[in-house]
Protein backbone atom coordinates (compact mmCIF):
# COMPACT_ATOMS: atom_id res chain seq x y z
CA MET A 1 -34.80 41.06 -11.77
CA ARG A 2 -32.36 38.77 -13.55
CA THR A 3 -31.83 35.28 -12.31
CA GLY A 4 -28.21 34.01 -12.43
CA ARG A 5 -27.48 30.64 -14.00
CA ALA A 6 -26.20 27.99 -11.58
CA CYS A 7 -22.52 27.18 -11.96
CA ILE A 8 -22.22 23.53 -13.01
CA PRO A 9 -18.79 21.92 -12.64
CA ALA A 10 -17.24 20.44 -15.77
CA ARG A 11 -17.67 16.69 -16.19
CA GLY A 12 -13.94 16.11 -15.88
CA THR A 13 -13.80 18.02 -12.60
CA VAL A 14 -16.65 15.98 -11.15
CA LEU A 15 -15.07 12.68 -12.20
CA ALA A 16 -11.73 13.71 -10.71
CA ALA A 17 -13.41 14.65 -7.42
CA ILE A 18 -15.23 11.31 -7.32
CA ALA A 19 -11.98 9.43 -7.99
CA LEU A 20 -10.20 11.36 -5.24
CA LEU A 21 -13.02 10.67 -2.76
CA ALA A 22 -12.94 6.97 -3.62
CA ALA A 23 -9.16 6.87 -3.09
CA VAL A 24 -9.47 8.59 0.30
CA ILE A 25 -12.21 6.15 1.38
CA ALA A 26 -10.10 3.20 0.21
CA GLN A 27 -7.10 4.44 2.17
CA ALA A 28 -9.23 4.88 5.29
CA GLY A 29 -10.50 1.33 4.81
CA GLU A 30 -6.93 0.08 4.65
CA VAL A 31 -6.16 1.52 8.07
CA ALA A 32 -9.14 -0.39 9.48
CA GLN A 33 -8.07 -3.70 7.90
CA ALA A 34 -6.99 -6.35 10.42
CA ILE A 35 -3.40 -7.62 10.47
CA LYS A 36 -2.19 -11.17 11.02
CA ILE A 37 1.46 -12.17 11.55
CA GLU A 38 2.72 -15.73 11.11
CA VAL A 39 6.10 -17.41 11.28
CA LEU A 40 6.40 -20.38 8.94
CA ASP A 41 9.05 -23.06 8.60
CA ALA A 42 10.60 -24.25 5.34
CA ALA A 43 7.77 -26.72 4.77
CA GLY A 44 5.11 -24.03 5.22
CA GLY A 45 4.09 -25.17 8.68
CA THR A 46 2.94 -22.51 11.14
CA LEU A 47 5.36 -22.05 14.04
CA ALA A 48 3.63 -19.05 15.64
CA GLU A 49 0.85 -16.63 14.76
CA ARG A 50 -1.07 -13.67 16.11
CA ALA A 51 -3.84 -11.46 14.76
CA ALA A 52 -4.96 -7.98 15.73
CA SER A 53 -7.54 -7.73 18.49
CA ALA A 54 -10.63 -5.55 18.19
CA GLY A 55 -10.13 -1.83 18.77
CA GLY A 56 -6.87 0.04 19.24
CA ASP A 57 -4.58 1.14 16.42
CA GLY A 58 -4.47 -2.27 14.73
CA ALA A 59 -0.88 -2.95 15.80
CA VAL A 60 0.22 -6.56 16.25
CA THR A 61 3.35 -7.90 17.93
CA LEU A 62 4.21 -11.56 17.62
CA ALA A 63 6.85 -12.83 20.06
CA PHE A 64 8.15 -16.35 19.56
CA GLU A 65 10.84 -18.71 20.82
CA ARG A 66 12.90 -20.55 18.23
CA GLU A 67 16.45 -20.93 16.99
CA LEU A 68 15.90 -19.57 13.47
CA ALA A 69 16.53 -22.05 10.67
CA LYS A 70 16.98 -21.88 6.91
CA GLY A 71 13.62 -21.44 5.19
CA ASP A 72 11.84 -19.73 8.11
CA THR A 73 9.59 -16.91 6.88
CA VAL A 74 7.65 -14.08 8.47
CA ARG A 75 4.31 -13.57 6.72
CA ILE A 76 2.06 -10.57 7.30
CA ALA A 77 -1.46 -10.29 5.89
CA GLY A 78 -3.21 -6.94 6.12
CA PRO A 79 -3.45 -3.54 4.41
CA ARG A 80 -1.15 -2.59 1.57
CA HIS A 81 0.50 0.25 3.50
CA LEU A 82 2.23 -0.99 6.64
CA VAL A 83 4.74 0.08 9.26
CA VAL A 84 6.79 -3.00 10.13
CA ARG A 85 9.63 -4.22 12.30
CA LEU A 86 10.33 -7.77 11.13
CA ALA A 87 13.14 -8.45 13.58
CA GLY A 88 13.09 -7.12 17.14
CA LYS A 89 16.60 -5.61 16.99
CA MET A 90 16.18 -3.92 13.60
CA PRO A 91 14.51 -0.58 12.75
CA GLN A 92 10.91 -0.10 11.68
CA CYS A 93 9.97 1.28 8.26
CA VAL A 94 7.03 1.97 5.97
CA VAL A 95 6.49 -0.68 3.30
CA TYR A 96 3.96 -1.19 0.53
CA ALA A 97 2.55 -4.64 -0.27
CA PRO A 98 0.40 -4.48 -3.45
CA GLU A 99 -1.39 -7.74 -2.68
CA GLY A 100 -1.73 -7.09 1.05
CA ALA A 101 0.87 -9.73 1.94
CA VAL A 102 4.48 -9.35 3.14
CA GLU A 103 6.63 -12.47 2.75
CA TYR A 104 10.00 -12.02 4.48
CA PRO A 105 12.39 -15.00 4.26
CA ILE A 106 14.55 -14.71 7.37
CA PRO A 107 18.19 -14.46 6.24
CA SER A 108 20.32 -17.54 6.77
CA GLY A 109 23.80 -18.74 5.86
CA ALA A 110 25.88 -16.26 3.84
CA GLU A 111 22.91 -13.86 3.56
CA ARG A 112 23.31 -13.02 7.27
CA ARG A 113 26.73 -11.49 6.66
CA VAL A 114 25.12 -8.14 5.80
CA TYR A 115 23.14 -7.88 9.06
CA SER A 116 24.25 -7.12 12.59
CA PRO A 117 25.17 -10.39 14.33
CA GLU A 118 22.55 -9.54 16.97
CA SER A 119 19.67 -9.24 14.51
CA PHE A 120 18.74 -12.92 14.35
CA ALA A 121 20.79 -14.40 17.20
CA GLY A 122 19.38 -16.45 20.08
CA SER A 123 15.96 -18.02 20.44
CA SER A 124 13.79 -15.04 21.45
CA HIS A 125 12.41 -13.06 18.51
CA SER A 126 9.56 -10.75 17.60
CA ALA A 127 7.85 -9.12 14.63
CA THR A 128 5.59 -6.07 14.72
CA ALA A 129 3.23 -4.51 12.18
CA ARG A 130 0.55 -1.84 12.13
CA PRO A 131 -1.43 -0.08 9.42
CA ALA A 132 0.32 3.01 8.06
CA THR A 133 -1.79 6.09 8.75
CA PRO A 134 -2.28 9.01 6.34
CA ASP A 135 0.10 10.97 8.57
CA ASP A 136 2.77 8.25 8.18
CA LEU A 137 2.49 8.46 4.40
CA ALA A 138 2.54 12.27 4.30
CA VAL A 139 5.80 12.60 6.29
CA TYR A 140 8.80 13.81 4.27
CA ARG A 141 11.28 10.94 4.56
CA ASN A 142 13.67 8.62 2.76
CA VAL A 143 11.10 6.65 0.72
CA ALA A 144 13.78 4.19 -0.49
CA PHE A 145 14.57 2.94 3.04
CA ASN A 146 13.84 -0.76 3.53
CA PRO A 147 16.20 -2.80 5.73
CA TYR A 148 14.01 -5.86 4.96
CA ASP A 149 14.45 -5.76 1.20
CA VAL A 150 15.46 -9.12 -0.26
CA ARG A 151 17.38 -10.24 -3.32
CA GLY A 152 15.30 -11.50 -6.22
CA LYS A 153 11.51 -11.48 -6.25
CA THR A 154 9.62 -9.74 -3.47
CA THR A 155 6.05 -9.11 -2.33
CA PHE A 156 6.71 -5.67 -0.84
CA PHE A 157 8.46 -2.39 -1.59
CA PRO A 158 10.78 -0.43 -1.70
CA HIS A 159 12.85 -2.95 -3.66
CA ALA A 160 16.34 -2.52 -5.17
CA THR A 161 17.79 -4.40 -8.14
CA SER A 162 20.78 -4.09 -10.46
CA ASN A 163 22.42 -5.82 -13.40
CA SER A 164 25.59 -6.72 -11.49
CA GLU A 165 26.57 -7.83 -7.98
CA CYS A 166 30.23 -8.76 -7.59
CA ARG A 167 30.63 -12.56 -7.56
CA ASN A 168 26.89 -12.69 -6.76
CA GLU A 169 27.80 -12.27 -3.10
CA PRO A 170 25.30 -10.81 -0.59
CA ASP A 171 27.98 -8.36 0.63
CA PHE A 172 27.62 -6.52 -2.70
CA ALA A 173 23.89 -6.90 -3.39
CA ALA A 174 21.71 -4.06 -4.70
CA ARG A 175 19.49 -4.24 -1.59
CA ASN A 176 22.39 -3.14 0.61
CA ALA A 177 22.07 0.41 -0.73
CA VAL A 178 18.61 0.88 0.84
CA ASP A 179 19.19 -0.78 4.23
CA GLY A 180 19.99 2.44 6.13
CA GLN A 181 23.61 1.52 6.86
CA SER A 182 26.10 4.15 5.67
CA LYS A 183 29.50 3.12 7.08
CA ASN A 184 31.56 3.38 3.93
CA LYS A 185 35.25 3.19 4.86
CA GLY A 186 35.50 -0.54 4.34
CA HIS A 187 33.99 -3.25 2.13
CA GLY A 188 32.53 -6.70 2.59
CA ARG A 189 30.31 -7.96 5.39
CA TRP A 190 28.33 -5.87 7.93
CA PRO A 191 28.68 -3.01 8.69
CA HIS A 192 30.40 -2.27 5.37
CA GLN A 193 27.97 -3.96 2.97
CA SER A 194 27.31 -2.06 -0.26
CA TRP A 195 26.06 -2.32 -3.79
CA GLY A 196 29.37 -3.41 -5.28
CA PRO A 197 29.09 -4.35 -8.95
CA ASP A 198 31.68 -5.87 -11.26
CA LYS A 199 34.03 -3.67 -13.28
CA ARG A 200 31.68 -2.80 -16.15
CA THR A 201 30.62 0.20 -18.21
CA ASP A 202 26.95 -0.79 -18.66
CA LEU A 203 25.90 -0.76 -15.00
CA TRP A 204 22.52 0.24 -13.60
CA TRP A 205 20.93 0.25 -10.15
CA LYS A 206 17.18 0.66 -9.62
CA VAL A 207 14.79 1.19 -6.73
CA GLU A 208 11.06 0.54 -7.17
CA PHE A 209 8.55 2.06 -4.76
CA GLY A 210 5.56 -0.07 -5.81
CA ARG A 211 3.24 2.96 -5.89
CA PRO A 212 3.44 6.66 -6.82
CA VAL A 213 5.66 8.79 -4.58
CA GLU A 214 6.59 12.47 -4.78
CA VAL A 215 10.36 12.96 -4.67
CA ASP A 216 12.70 15.94 -4.90
CA LYS A 217 16.07 14.89 -3.47
CA LEU A 218 18.64 12.15 -3.87
CA VAL A 219 21.49 11.46 -1.42
CA LEU A 220 24.37 9.20 -2.45
CA VAL A 221 26.96 7.71 -0.12
CA ILE A 222 29.70 6.20 -2.24
CA ARG A 223 31.90 3.47 -0.81
CA ALA A 224 35.11 5.21 0.24
CA ASP A 225 37.48 2.36 1.06
CA PHE A 226 40.35 4.23 -0.57
CA PRO A 227 42.79 3.29 -2.06
CA HIS A 228 41.06 -0.04 -2.70
CA ASP A 229 38.11 1.83 -4.17
CA ARG A 230 37.83 4.17 -7.11
CA HIS A 231 34.75 6.34 -7.66
CA TRP A 232 32.29 7.12 -10.42
CA HIS A 233 32.66 10.68 -11.68
CA GLY A 234 29.14 10.99 -13.00
CA ALA A 235 25.78 9.29 -13.42
CA VAL A 236 22.29 9.83 -14.82
CA VAL A 237 19.10 9.38 -12.83
CA GLU A 238 16.23 8.08 -14.94
CA PHE A 239 12.70 8.43 -13.52
CA SER A 240 9.60 6.41 -14.35
CA ASP A 241 7.94 9.57 -15.74
CA GLY A 242 10.56 9.70 -18.50
CA SER A 243 12.60 12.57 -17.04
CA ARG A 244 16.36 12.47 -16.39
CA GLU A 245 18.88 14.27 -14.20
CA LYS A 246 22.66 14.32 -14.60
CA LEU A 247 24.83 13.97 -11.49
CA GLU A 248 28.44 14.93 -10.86
CA ILE A 249 29.89 12.61 -8.20
CA LYS A 250 32.86 13.62 -6.05
CA LYS A 251 35.53 11.49 -4.40
CA GLN A 252 34.47 11.90 -0.78
CA ALA A 253 33.25 9.78 2.11
CA GLU A 254 30.57 12.29 3.12
CA PRO A 255 27.01 12.04 1.71
CA GLN A 256 26.41 13.88 -1.56
CA THR A 257 23.03 15.60 -1.98
CA PHE A 258 21.30 16.31 -5.28
CA GLU A 259 18.07 18.32 -5.30
CA PHE A 260 15.71 18.50 -8.27
CA LYS A 261 12.23 19.60 -9.24
CA LYS A 262 9.54 17.56 -7.46
CA ARG A 263 8.03 14.78 -9.57
CA THR A 264 5.68 11.85 -9.03
CA VAL A 265 7.29 8.51 -9.90
CA ALA A 266 7.05 4.78 -9.26
CA TRP A 267 10.79 4.09 -9.60
CA LEU A 268 14.14 5.64 -10.39
CA GLN A 269 17.30 4.19 -11.87
CA LEU A 270 20.97 5.18 -11.77
CA THR A 271 22.71 4.58 -15.07
CA ASP A 272 25.55 5.91 -17.25
CA LEU A 273 27.92 5.47 -14.29
CA VAL A 274 31.23 6.86 -15.53
CA GLN A 275 34.76 6.27 -14.22
CA GLU A 276 38.24 6.64 -15.63
CA GLN A 277 40.08 3.81 -17.40
CA PRO A 278 41.37 1.34 -16.43
CA LEU A 279 38.20 0.38 -14.54
CA GLY A 280 38.47 -0.06 -10.79
CA TRP A 281 36.17 -1.05 -7.94
CA CYS A 282 33.33 1.45 -7.45
CA ALA A 283 30.35 1.00 -5.16
CA LEU A 284 27.41 2.70 -3.44
CA THR A 285 27.04 2.23 0.29
CA GLU A 286 23.65 3.96 0.53
CA VAL A 287 21.08 5.65 -1.71
CA GLU A 288 18.43 7.85 -0.12
CA VAL A 289 15.43 9.17 -2.05
CA TRP A 290 13.59 11.90 -0.17
CA GLY A 291 9.89 12.59 -0.54
CA LYS A 292 6.53 11.17 0.53
CA ASP A 293 3.67 9.05 -0.75
CA ALA A 294 1.66 10.78 -3.47
CA PRO A 295 -1.76 11.99 -2.23
CA PRO A 296 -4.69 9.59 -2.75
CA GLY A 297 -5.88 9.57 -6.34
CA ARG A 298 -2.59 10.93 -7.75
CA GLU A 299 -1.33 8.89 -10.68
């Protein structure tokens, strides 16, 4: 009688399985990590705070009374993957904080022009956060959506940047294209904020996800305040994996959808934005990137 030799997995297979298991355990540990929400004033003093209680789903809601002032900040400490609502009258979204800390400077002055007047009005406010579950991260969604994105440096993602914002005004900031607002038959303050760059031929707009995500669809809503606006006829999407896709953009107010082969990326960038001479005003009201978080262990 012949005895069969045991099948021994290849070393690389074993190491990959160990790495995947470690990533799954780490993600599970994140969900169990306690959350703390604070509201700080411009000097760093604590105005209000609340931490998660034992048990439950780890969700925390901090309600506070204050007429918001310049320099006030919402700070959240907790897991890297979070579902947040940083203002009671704004939508919730999934964000990623690499260092486990969300720092959200509450908009003031001219920066408030791109938000609903109700968002930060009055003296009664709230902020909510909970750990994002594996189910949250596996849902097919617009992974670029972040109504709490800020101009300049940030501690959490998604985050949009560009090399031009007309007159450096908040009405035309890069972050406006990921805020979920798609009313595009006007320009300027809310609800018609957009990424509105200067009249240039070297423009780019970029969204960073902060971690690997799997994406396969892009939706563009161009600003359609015609005849004030012109439109780009074409663009190139550059992905962090080195791949590129060419887009043909139409003159229309309706969303334009571009599907492509699924890829795992950490960011994408729109570049080579082409329009006819002489250059006119072109803008993007909203950019949606559809996909989901890459599975644990996926680079």
